[in-house]
Structures are given as C-alpha cells and as structure tokens.
Amino acid sequence: MVTQGPAACHGVGFIAQPSWIKPIARSVCILYFPEVAGGQNHSYEGEKTLKISALHALDVLYSRIYHDVKIIRPSRLPARGPAILVCNHISSLDPALIQSVCRRRIRWMMAKEYFDAKPLQWFFKTVGVILVERSGRDFAATRAAIRALQEGYVVGIFPEGRIATAPEMGPFHQGIGWMALRTAAPVFPAYLDGTQRGREMVEALLRPCRAKITFGPSLNFRENGSVREAVESTTNQIESAVRKLQNEV
C-alpha cells in the first residue's frame, strides 16, 4: 500500500524512490500544499495564476532534474511585498535556474533582443519579463521595474549588464543603487556558478549542467546626503555583498 495525497510529498510509502524524487516532491509540495510541507505560501494572490504555477512547476523539473542545481544557502526572499534580487550573470540559463529555487515569482529585467525569439514571446509576457534596451539608458524599463516593485513584486536584476565572459565578476552599473534608494525595497544578493558558464544560449539551455547557488541576507538602504554619493555607495555595497558570496560556491 502506498500513501496517497499531499502526505506523499514527504516520500511516505513503501516503494523505493530515485534520489531525485524527494527534493522535487518537496518543491512541488511547498508550491501547492505549503501547510503540509510545514511552511507558508511564499507568494500572494496575483503571483499564483494557473499559468504561472504550471510554468513554475515545469521550471522546477527542468532546472532541478535535467540540470543539477545545488543550493548552498536558500533564498531569503520575503513571503510578501517588494524585493530586489541581484545576482552575477554567467549564462542565458541563469533566470530559470534561480527561479527554480525561489518560491516567489521573479520579474526579470532582460535584454530586449531575447524577445526577438518568437517561440519565447508568450513565455516572457506570461512571467512578466521587463525588457531592457542595452544600447543606452532605458528609462522606460527602469520605470517599469519601479512600478513592479510598487505593486509588490520581486524584480530580478543582473547588475553587470551582460553575461560575464571571464571568471571574474564585472563592475555593477549604478542603476541598481539608484533603484534601491528610489524604492527603499530590500535587496537580496545571490551568487551562481556552474558548468553553464561560457556556453552560448542554445547550448546552455539544451546541454545539462551542474550549478551551485547561494543567497545572502537582505540589504536595506535609505537616501542620506548627496544623491550621487549615495547611489555610488549603495551600488558598491550591493556589489561587495554579491562578491562575498562567491567564496561559498
């Protein structure tokens, strides 16, 4: 006899299970039966439409099984309300891997050229991607990100502005410092590394990889003194927090 229903998310039963079953079942259980998993539903109404829930479940399967993601320290995103998630950027696969280990829906700021791929347009619209024009300062994208934070969403940003081509992290653009000060939203640093580093987009998506990710505690900022100095200082502190996490991966 095998236990059925939500309790099966804990691996209860007498049938031997592959090693990957338990973490995936745990993830699905947290998403759909949080009270059984011993946690709380870390999302709010509006983030959990049927389409979003289905895509999140597929992402968990794709990123945690097809790709192998190891969590060093789990995400500390709040259960509700705005937050800014910042991470280094090593491949086109990064948003999917990070989202798979976070309960909250993340609205990523992504380069507009990704939207040229027609098969992905429906997906980007559904998950609420904020498209960024990389040719210069894109104030429309910045306003859209601020509006998303004001509405209580989590906004994901790669402050290097591009995929790193070298092992070292690139400098952070000061737009992240300005946004953190402008919105007063807590900033959550993360660091990601893995075998997907340096791969082209198609290869990164199709070829299995092994990745590690770790998350740091929140950072909170308030404007104090000169705006220019405050933005520079805030950007440096966020970059420093992400760099410190590098030693954990």
C-alpha atoms as a PDB file:
ATOM      1  CA  MET A   1       0.000   0.000   0.000  1.00  0.00           C
ATOM      2  CA  VAL A   2       1.341   3.435  -0.937  1.00  0.00           C
ATOM      3  CA  THR A   3       0.300   6.621   0.857  1.00  0.00           C
ATOM      4  CA  GLN A   4      -1.592   8.952  -1.455  1.00  0.00           C
ATOM      5  CA  GLY A   5      -2.470  12.656  -1.392  1.00  0.00           C
ATOM      6  CA  PRO A   6      -0.397  15.594  -0.117  1.00  0.00           C
ATOM      7  CA  ALA A   7       1.350  13.467   2.512  1.00  0.00           C
ATOM      8  CA  ALA A   8       3.116  11.662  -0.329  1.00  0.00           C
ATOM      9  CA  CYS A   9       5.137  14.834  -0.814  1.00  0.00           C
ATOM     10  CA  HIS A  10       7.199  13.710   2.172  1.00  0.00           C
ATOM     11  CA  GLY A  11       8.141  10.472   0.453  1.00  0.00           C
ATOM     12  CA  VAL A  12       5.815   8.334   2.627  1.00  0.00           C
ATOM     13  CA  GLY A  13       5.274   4.856   1.221  1.00  0.00           C
ATOM     14  CA  PHE A  14       6.993   1.551   0.643  1.00  0.00           C
ATOM     15  CA  ILE A  15       8.140   1.876  -2.969  1.00  0.00           C
ATOM     16  CA  ALA A  16      11.850   2.646  -3.388  1.00  0.00           C
ATOM     17  CA  GLN A  17      12.334   6.094  -4.899  1.00  0.00           C
ATOM     18  CA  PRO A  18      15.173   7.529  -7.015  1.00  0.00           C
ATOM     19  CA  SER A  19      17.358  10.034  -5.149  1.00  0.00           C
ATOM     20  CA  TRP A  20      15.978  12.994  -7.118  1.00  0.00           C
ATOM     21  CA  ILE A  21      12.342  12.326  -6.184  1.00  0.00           C
ATOM     22  CA  LYS A  22      12.404  13.719  -2.650  1.00  0.00           C
ATOM     23  CA  PRO A  23      13.720  17.270  -3.396  1.00  0.00           C
ATOM     24  CA  ILE A  24      11.391  17.632  -6.367  1.00  0.00           C
ATOM     25  CA  ALA A  25       8.390  16.345  -4.406  1.00  0.00           C
ATOM     26  CA  ARG A  26       9.322  18.714  -1.597  1.00  0.00           C
ATOM     27  CA  SER A  27       9.419  21.651  -4.041  1.00  0.00           C
ATOM     28  CA  VAL A  28       6.035  20.775  -5.540  1.00  0.00           C
ATOM     29  CA  CYS A  29       4.588  20.251  -2.079  1.00  0.00           C
ATOM     30  CA  ILE A  30       5.765  23.682  -0.940  1.00  0.00           C
ATOM     31  CA  LEU A  31       4.251  25.243  -4.064  1.00  0.00           C
ATOM     32  CA  TYR A  32       0.833  23.597  -3.843  1.00  0.00           C
ATOM     33  CA  PHE A  33       0.474  22.227  -0.280  1.00  0.00           C
ATOM     34  CA  PRO A  34       2.503  24.645   1.901  1.00  0.00           C
ATOM     35  CA  GLU A  35       0.616  23.823   5.090  1.00  0.00           C
ATOM     36  CA  VAL A  36       1.521  20.119   4.687  1.00  0.00           C
ATOM     37  CA  ALA A  37       5.179  20.896   3.947  1.00  0.00           C
ATOM     38  CA  GLY A  38       5.430  22.746   7.227  1.00  0.00           C
ATOM     39  CA  GLY A  39       5.851  26.131   5.636  1.00  0.00           C
ATOM     40  CA  GLN A  40       3.773  29.014   4.435  1.00  0.00           C
ATOM     41  CA  ASN A  41       2.766  30.015   0.933  1.00  0.00           C
ATOM     42  CA  HIS A  42       5.532  32.407  -0.041  1.00  0.00           C
ATOM     43  CA  SER A  43       3.538  34.250  -2.658  1.00  0.00           C
ATOM     44  CA  TYR A  44       0.422  36.336  -2.781  1.00  0.00           C
ATOM     45  CA  GLU A  45      -2.674  36.345  -4.941  1.00  0.00           C
ATOM     46  CA  GLY A  46      -1.759  37.686  -8.369  1.00  0.00           C
ATOM     47  CA  GLU A  47       1.587  35.886  -8.461  1.00  0.00           C
ATOM     48  CA  LYS A  48      -0.028  32.458  -8.497  1.00  0.00           C
ATOM     49  CA  THR A  49      -2.201  32.266 -11.599  1.00  0.00           C
ATOM     50  CA  LEU A  50      -2.714  28.821 -13.101  1.00  0.00           C
ATOM     51  CA  LYS A  51      -0.264  29.589 -15.926  1.00  0.00           C
ATOM     52  CA  ILE A  52       2.405  30.863 -13.530  1.00  0.00           C
ATOM     53  CA  SER A  53       2.004  27.845 -11.252  1.00  0.00           C
ATOM     54  CA  ALA A  54       2.290  25.452 -14.195  1.00  0.00           C
ATOM     55  CA  LEU A  55       5.361  27.214 -15.580  1.00  0.00           C
ATOM     56  CA  HIS A  56       6.970  27.256 -12.132  1.00  0.00           C
ATOM     57  CA  ALA A  57       6.404  23.520 -11.734  1.00  0.00           C
ATOM     58  CA  LEU A  58       7.901  22.876 -15.187  1.00  0.00           C
ATOM     59  CA  ASP A  59      10.883  25.061 -14.307  1.00  0.00           C
ATOM     60  CA  VAL A  60      11.475  23.042 -11.138  1.00  0.00           C
ATOM     61  CA  LEU A  61      11.523  19.853 -13.212  1.00  0.00           C
ATOM     62  CA  TYR A  62      13.720  21.360 -15.937  1.00  0.00           C
ATOM     63  CA  SER A  63      16.231  23.084 -13.657  1.00  0.00           C
ATOM     64  CA  ARG A  64      16.376  20.636 -10.744  1.00  0.00           C
ATOM     65  CA  ILE A  65      16.313  17.363 -12.725  1.00  0.00           C
ATOM     66  CA  TYR A  66      17.539  17.993 -16.282  1.00  0.00           C
ATOM     67  CA  HIS A  67      20.047  20.475 -14.902  1.00  0.00           C
ATOM     68  CA  ASP A  68      21.563  19.825 -11.492  1.00  0.00           C
ATOM     69  CA  VAL A  69      21.242  22.830  -9.168  1.00  0.00           C
ATOM     70  CA  LYS A  70      22.701  22.629  -5.682  1.00  0.00           C
ATOM     71  CA  ILE A  71      21.573  25.194  -3.101  1.00  0.00           C
ATOM     72  CA  ILE A  72      24.308  26.229  -0.677  1.00  0.00           C
ATOM     73  CA  ARG A  73      22.128  28.672   1.266  1.00  0.00           C
ATOM     74  CA  PRO A  74      18.422  29.026   0.426  1.00  0.00           C
ATOM     75  CA  SER A  75      16.663  32.149  -0.772  1.00  0.00           C
ATOM     76  CA  ARG A  76      15.557  34.578   1.927  1.00  0.00           C
ATOM     77  CA  LEU A  77      13.024  36.463  -0.145  1.00  0.00           C
ATOM     78  CA  PRO A  78      10.089  37.757   1.922  1.00  0.00           C
ATOM     79  CA  ALA A  79       6.765  35.954   1.799  1.00  0.00           C
ATOM     80  CA  ARG A  80       5.092  39.160   0.619  1.00  0.00           C
ATOM     81  CA  GLY A  81       5.937  42.582  -0.683  1.00  0.00           C
ATOM     82  CA  PRO A  82       8.591  44.105  -2.927  1.00  0.00           C
ATOM     83  CA  ALA A  83      12.171  42.909  -3.127  1.00  0.00           C
ATOM     84  CA  ILE A  84      15.114  43.278  -5.492  1.00  0.00           C
ATOM     85  CA  LEU A  85      17.098  40.120  -6.250  1.00  0.00           C
ATOM     86  CA  VAL A  86      20.590  40.745  -7.635  1.00  0.00           C
ATOM     87  CA  CYS A  87      22.949  38.092  -8.967  1.00  0.00           C
ATOM     88  CA  ASN A  88      26.044  37.702 -11.089  1.00  0.00           C
ATOM     89  CA  HIS A  89      25.394  36.673 -14.698  1.00  0.00           C
ATOM     90  CA  ILE A  90      27.185  33.758 -16.372  1.00  0.00           C
ATOM     91  CA  SER A  91      24.716  32.355 -18.942  1.00  0.00           C
ATOM     92  CA  SER A  92      21.308  32.716 -20.579  1.00  0.00           C
ATOM     93  CA  LEU A  93      20.128  29.887 -18.332  1.00  0.00           C
ATOM     94  CA  ASP A  94      20.575  31.895 -15.107  1.00  0.00           C
ATOM     95  CA  PRO A  95      16.984  33.206 -14.681  1.00  0.00           C
ATOM     96  CA  ALA A  96      15.491  29.707 -14.984  1.00  0.00           C
ATOM     97  CA  LEU A  97      17.942  28.194 -12.501  1.00  0.00           C
ATOM     98  CA  ILE A  98      17.407  30.959  -9.939  1.00  0.00           C
ATOM     99  CA  GLN A  99      13.614  30.948 -10.294  1.00  0.00           C
ATOM    100  CA  SER A 100      13.519  27.181  -9.734  1.00  0.00           C
ATOM    101  CA  VAL A 101      14.862  27.567  -6.192  1.00  0.00           C
ATOM    102  CA  CYS A 102      12.709  30.598  -5.235  1.00  0.00           C
ATOM    103  CA  ARG A 103       9.073  30.346  -4.171  1.00  0.00           C
ATOM    104  CA  ARG A 104       8.244  33.899  -5.198  1.00  0.00           C
ATOM    105  CA  ARG A 105       7.710  34.769  -8.836  1.00  0.00           C
ATOM    106  CA  ILE A 106      10.608  36.887 -10.097  1.00  0.00           C
ATOM    107  CA  ARG A 107      10.076  39.532 -12.772  1.00  0.00           C
ATOM    108  CA  TRP A 108      13.429  39.645 -14.536  1.00  0.00           C
ATOM    109  CA  MET A 109      14.937  42.620 -16.297  1.00  0.00           C
ATOM    110  CA  MET A 110      16.243  41.124 -19.537  1.00  0.00           C
ATOM    111  CA  ALA A 111      17.852  42.385 -22.731  1.00  0.00           C
ATOM    112  CA  LYS A 112      15.251  43.224 -25.378  1.00  0.00           C
ATOM    113  CA  GLU A 113      16.967  41.102 -28.041  1.00  0.00           C
ATOM    114  CA  TYR A 114      15.787  37.919 -26.273  1.00  0.00           C
ATOM    115  CA  PHE A 115      12.241  38.954 -27.194  1.00  0.00           C
ATOM    116  CA  ASP A 116      13.152  38.567 -30.868  1.00  0.00           C
ATOM    117  CA  ALA A 117      12.863  34.800 -30.441  1.00  0.00           C
ATOM    118  CA  LYS A 118       9.165  34.368 -31.289  1.00  0.00           C
ATOM    119  CA  PRO A 119       8.747  30.975 -29.547  1.00  0.00           C
ATOM    120  CA  LEU A 120       9.695  32.684 -26.266  1.00  0.00           C
ATOM    121  CA  GLN A 121       7.497  35.777 -26.564  1.00  0.00           C
ATOM    122  CA  TRP A 122       4.422  34.179 -24.985  1.00  0.00           C
ATOM    123  CA  PHE A 123       6.554  32.900 -22.112  1.00  0.00           C
ATOM    124  CA  PHE A 124       8.188  36.291 -21.458  1.00  0.00           C
ATOM    125  CA  LYS A 125       4.814  38.061 -21.476  1.00  0.00           C
ATOM    126  CA  THR A 126       3.283  35.487 -19.132  1.00  0.00           C
ATOM    127  CA  VAL A 127       6.013  35.681 -16.487  1.00  0.00           C
ATOM    128  CA  GLY A 128       6.187  39.476 -16.728  1.00  0.00           C
ATOM    129  CA  VAL A 129       9.719  39.967 -18.041  1.00  0.00           C
ATOM    130  CA  ILE A 130      10.806  43.629 -18.111  1.00  0.00           C
ATOM    131  CA  LEU A 131      12.644  44.232 -21.384  1.00  0.00           C
ATOM    132  CA  VAL A 132      15.711  46.469 -21.362  1.00  0.00           C
ATOM    133  CA  GLU A 133      17.308  48.304 -24.288  1.00  0.00           C
ATOM    134  CA  ARG A 134      21.062  47.784 -23.868  1.00  0.00           C
ATOM    135  CA  SER A 135      22.129  50.470 -26.337  1.00  0.00           C
ATOM    136  CA  GLY A 136      21.798  53.174 -23.684  1.00  0.00           C
ATOM    137  CA  ARG A 137      19.918  54.249 -20.574  1.00  0.00           C
ATOM    138  CA  ASP A 138      16.468  52.707 -20.808  1.00  0.00           C
ATOM    139  CA  PHE A 139      14.290  54.889 -18.583  1.00  0.00           C
ATOM    140  CA  ALA A 140      11.106  53.098 -19.692  1.00  0.00           C
ATOM    141  CA  ALA A 141      12.467  49.791 -18.360  1.00  0.00           C
ATOM    142  CA  THR A 142      13.550  51.464 -15.125  1.00  0.00           C
ATOM    143  CA  ARG A 143      10.079  52.954 -14.652  1.00  0.00           C
ATOM    144  CA  ALA A 144       8.510  49.543 -15.341  1.00  0.00           C
ATOM    145  CA  ALA A 145      10.761  47.915 -12.718  1.00  0.00           C
ATOM    146  CA  ILE A 146       9.898  50.586 -10.142  1.00  0.00           C
ATOM    147  CA  ARG A 147       6.201  50.157 -10.906  1.00  0.00           C
ATOM    148  CA  ALA A 148       6.532  46.368 -10.411  1.00  0.00           C
ATOM    149  CA  LEU A 149       8.185  46.938  -7.020  1.00  0.00           C
ATOM    150  CA  GLN A 150       5.454  49.378  -6.025  1.00  0.00           C
ATOM    151  CA  GLU A 151       2.922  46.679  -6.881  1.00  0.00           C
ATOM    152  CA  GLY A 152       4.679  44.275  -4.521  1.00  0.00           C
ATOM    153  CA  TYR A 153       6.601  42.069  -6.956  1.00  0.00           C
ATOM    154  CA  VAL A 154      10.139  40.711  -6.771  1.00  0.00           C
ATOM    155  CA  VAL A 155      12.335  42.203  -9.512  1.00  0.00           C
ATOM    156  CA  GLY A 156      15.422  40.273 -10.618  1.00  0.00           C
ATOM    157  CA  ILE A 157      18.440  42.169 -11.921  1.00  0.00           C
ATOM    158  CA  PHE A 158      21.872  41.227 -13.259  1.00  0.00           C
ATOM    159  CA  PRO A 159      23.713  44.484 -12.435  1.00  0.00           C
ATOM    160  CA  GLU A 160      26.759  43.618 -14.559  1.00  0.00           C
ATOM    161  CA  GLY A 161      24.534  44.386 -17.539  1.00  0.00           C
ATOM    162  CA  ARG A 162      25.787  41.474 -19.633  1.00  0.00           C
ATOM    163  CA  ILE A 163      26.888  37.845 -19.404  1.00  0.00           C
ATOM    164  CA  ALA A 164      30.410  37.611 -17.984  1.00  0.00           C
ATOM    165  CA  THR A 165      32.980  36.302 -20.459  1.00  0.00           C
ATOM    166  CA  ALA A 166      35.700  35.938 -17.817  1.00  0.00           C
ATOM    167  CA  PRO A 167      35.772  34.130 -14.457  1.00  0.00           C
ATOM    168  CA  GLU A 168      35.795  37.450 -12.616  1.00  0.00           C
ATOM    169  CA  MET A 169      32.595  39.397 -11.989  1.00  0.00           C
ATOM    170  CA  GLY A 170      32.241  42.656 -13.880  1.00  0.00           C
ATOM    171  CA  PRO A 171      31.519  46.002 -12.175  1.00  0.00           C
ATOM    172  CA  PHE A 172      27.897  46.742 -11.299  1.00  0.00           C
ATOM    173  CA  HIS A 173      26.022  49.506 -13.097  1.00  0.00           C
ATOM    174  CA  GLN A 174      24.900  52.269 -10.771  1.00  0.00           C
ATOM    175  CA  GLY A 175      21.279  51.892 -11.840  1.00  0.00           C
ATOM    176  CA  ILE A 176      20.903  49.185  -9.183  1.00  0.00           C
ATOM    177  CA  GLY A 177      21.985  51.617  -6.477  1.00  0.00           C
ATOM    178  CA  TRP A 178      19.592  54.278  -7.714  1.00  0.00           C
ATOM    179  CA  MET A 179      16.665  51.831  -7.844  1.00  0.00           C
ATOM    180  CA  ALA A 180      17.363  50.507  -4.335  1.00  0.00           C
ATOM    181  CA  LEU A 181      17.382  54.070  -2.957  1.00  0.00           C
ATOM    182  CA  ARG A 182      14.414  55.227  -5.034  1.00  0.00           C
ATOM    183  CA  THR A 183      12.130  52.367  -3.955  1.00  0.00           C
ATOM    184  CA  ALA A 184      13.560  51.529  -0.494  1.00  0.00           C
ATOM    185  CA  ALA A 185      12.891  47.872  -1.385  1.00  0.00           C
ATOM    186  CA  PRO A 186      15.136  45.331   0.371  1.00  0.00           C
ATOM    187  CA  VAL A 187      17.956  43.978  -1.805  1.00  0.00           C
ATOM    188  CA  PHE A 188      18.778  40.262  -1.719  1.00  0.00           C
ATOM    189  CA  PRO A 189      22.198  39.233  -3.112  1.00  0.00           C
ATOM    190  CA  ALA A 190      22.822  35.874  -4.758  1.00  0.00           C
ATOM    191  CA  TYR A 191      25.774  34.206  -6.448  1.00  0.00           C
ATOM    192  CA  LEU A 192      25.594  31.495  -9.122  1.00  0.00           C
ATOM    193  CA  ASP A 193      28.292  29.377 -10.746  1.00  0.00           C
ATOM    194  CA  GLY A 194      28.393  26.177 -12.749  1.00  0.00           C
ATOM    195  CA  THR A 195      29.332  24.363 -15.913  1.00  0.00           C
ATOM    196  CA  GLN A 196      26.915  26.529 -17.946  1.00  0.00           C
ATOM    197  CA  ARG A 197      29.442  29.380 -17.692  1.00  0.00           C
ATOM    198  CA  GLY A 198      30.672  30.494 -21.116  1.00  0.00           C
ATOM    199  CA  ARG A 199      28.146  28.497 -23.152  1.00  0.00           C
ATOM    200  CA  GLU A 200      26.143  30.043 -25.953  1.00  0.00           C
ATOM    201  CA  MET A 201      22.396  30.422 -25.369  1.00  0.00           C
ATOM    202  CA  VAL A 202      21.206  27.274 -27.169  1.00  0.00           C
ATOM    203  CA  GLU A 203      23.961  25.113 -25.684  1.00  0.00           C
ATOM    204  CA  ALA A 204      23.280  26.446 -22.188  1.00  0.00           C
ATOM    205  CA  LEU A 205      19.575  25.642 -22.491  1.00  0.00           C
ATOM    206  CA  LEU A 206      19.924  22.186 -24.063  1.00  0.00           C
ATOM    207  CA  ARG A 207      23.100  20.747 -22.578  1.00  0.00           C
ATOM    208  CA  PRO A 208      22.744  19.578 -18.945  1.00  0.00           C
ATOM    209  CA  CYS A 209      24.819  21.489 -16.436  1.00  0.00           C
ATOM    210  CA  ARG A 210      25.792  21.355 -12.790  1.00  0.00           C
ATOM    211  CA  ALA A 211      25.308  24.594 -10.924  1.00  0.00           C
ATOM    212  CA  LYS A 212      25.569  25.940  -7.381  1.00  0.00           C
ATOM    213  CA  ILE A 213      23.754  28.927  -5.968  1.00  0.00           C
ATOM    214  CA  THR A 214      23.811  30.715  -2.646  1.00  0.00           C
ATOM    215  CA  PHE A 215      21.810  33.608  -1.225  1.00  0.00           C
ATOM    216  CA  GLY A 216      22.774  36.271   1.285  1.00  0.00           C
ATOM    217  CA  PRO A 217      20.813  38.286   3.842  1.00  0.00           C
ATOM    218  CA  SER A 218      18.832  41.357   2.827  1.00  0.00           C
ATOM    219  CA  LEU A 219      20.351  44.810   2.478  1.00  0.00           C
ATOM    220  CA  ASN A 220      18.350  47.947   3.201  1.00  0.00           C
ATOM    221  CA  PHE A 221      19.206  51.446   2.017  1.00  0.00           C
ATOM    222  CA  ARG A 222      17.930  54.950   2.595  1.00  0.00           C
ATOM    223  CA  GLU A 223      18.938  58.205   0.923  1.00  0.00           C
ATOM    224  CA  ASN A 224      21.427  60.151   3.022  1.00  0.00           C
ATOM    225  CA  GLY A 225      23.404  63.174   1.839  1.00  0.00           C
ATOM    226  CA  SER A 226      24.287  63.752  -1.792  1.00  0.00           C
ATOM    227  CA  VAL A 227      22.309  61.639  -4.274  1.00  0.00           C
ATOM    228  CA  ARG A 228      25.373  60.901  -6.412  1.00  0.00           C
ATOM    229  CA  GLU A 229      27.416  59.746  -3.425  1.00  0.00           C
ATOM    230  CA  ALA A 230      24.512  57.730  -2.046  1.00  0.00           C
ATOM    231  CA  VAL A 231      23.984  55.928  -5.373  1.00  0.00           C
ATOM    232  CA  GLU A 232      27.694  55.140  -5.705  1.00  0.00           C
ATOM    233  CA  SER A 233      27.953  53.906  -2.113  1.00  0.00           C
ATOM    234  CA  THR A 234      24.800  51.771  -2.411  1.00  0.00           C
ATOM    235  CA  THR A 235      25.992  50.209  -5.674  1.00  0.00           C
ATOM    236  CA  ASN A 236      29.371  49.382  -4.130  1.00  0.00           C
ATOM    237  CA  GLN A 237      27.765  47.781  -1.086  1.00  0.00           C
ATOM    238  CA  ILE A 238      25.484  45.605  -3.236  1.00  0.00           C
ATOM    239  CA  GLU A 239      28.391  44.531  -5.441  1.00  0.00           C
ATOM    240  CA  SER A 240      30.500  43.741  -2.369  1.00  0.00           C
ATOM    241  CA  ALA A 241      27.702  41.594  -0.904  1.00  0.00           C
ATOM    242  CA  VAL A 242      27.485  39.507  -4.099  1.00  0.00           C
ATOM    243  CA  ARG A 243      31.282  39.139  -4.298  1.00  0.00           C
ATOM    244  CA  LYS A 244      31.428  37.846  -0.701  1.00  0.00           C
ATOM    245  CA  LEU A 245      29.025  35.040  -1.639  1.00  0.00           C
ATOM    246  CA  GLN A 246      31.478  33.870  -4.311  1.00  0.00           C
ATOM    247  CA  ASN A 247      33.540  32.144  -1.617  1.00  0.00           C
ATOM    248  CA  GLU A 248      30.601  29.885  -0.708  1.00  0.00           C
ATOM    249  CA  VAL A 249      30.138  28.359  -4.176  1.00  0.00           C
END
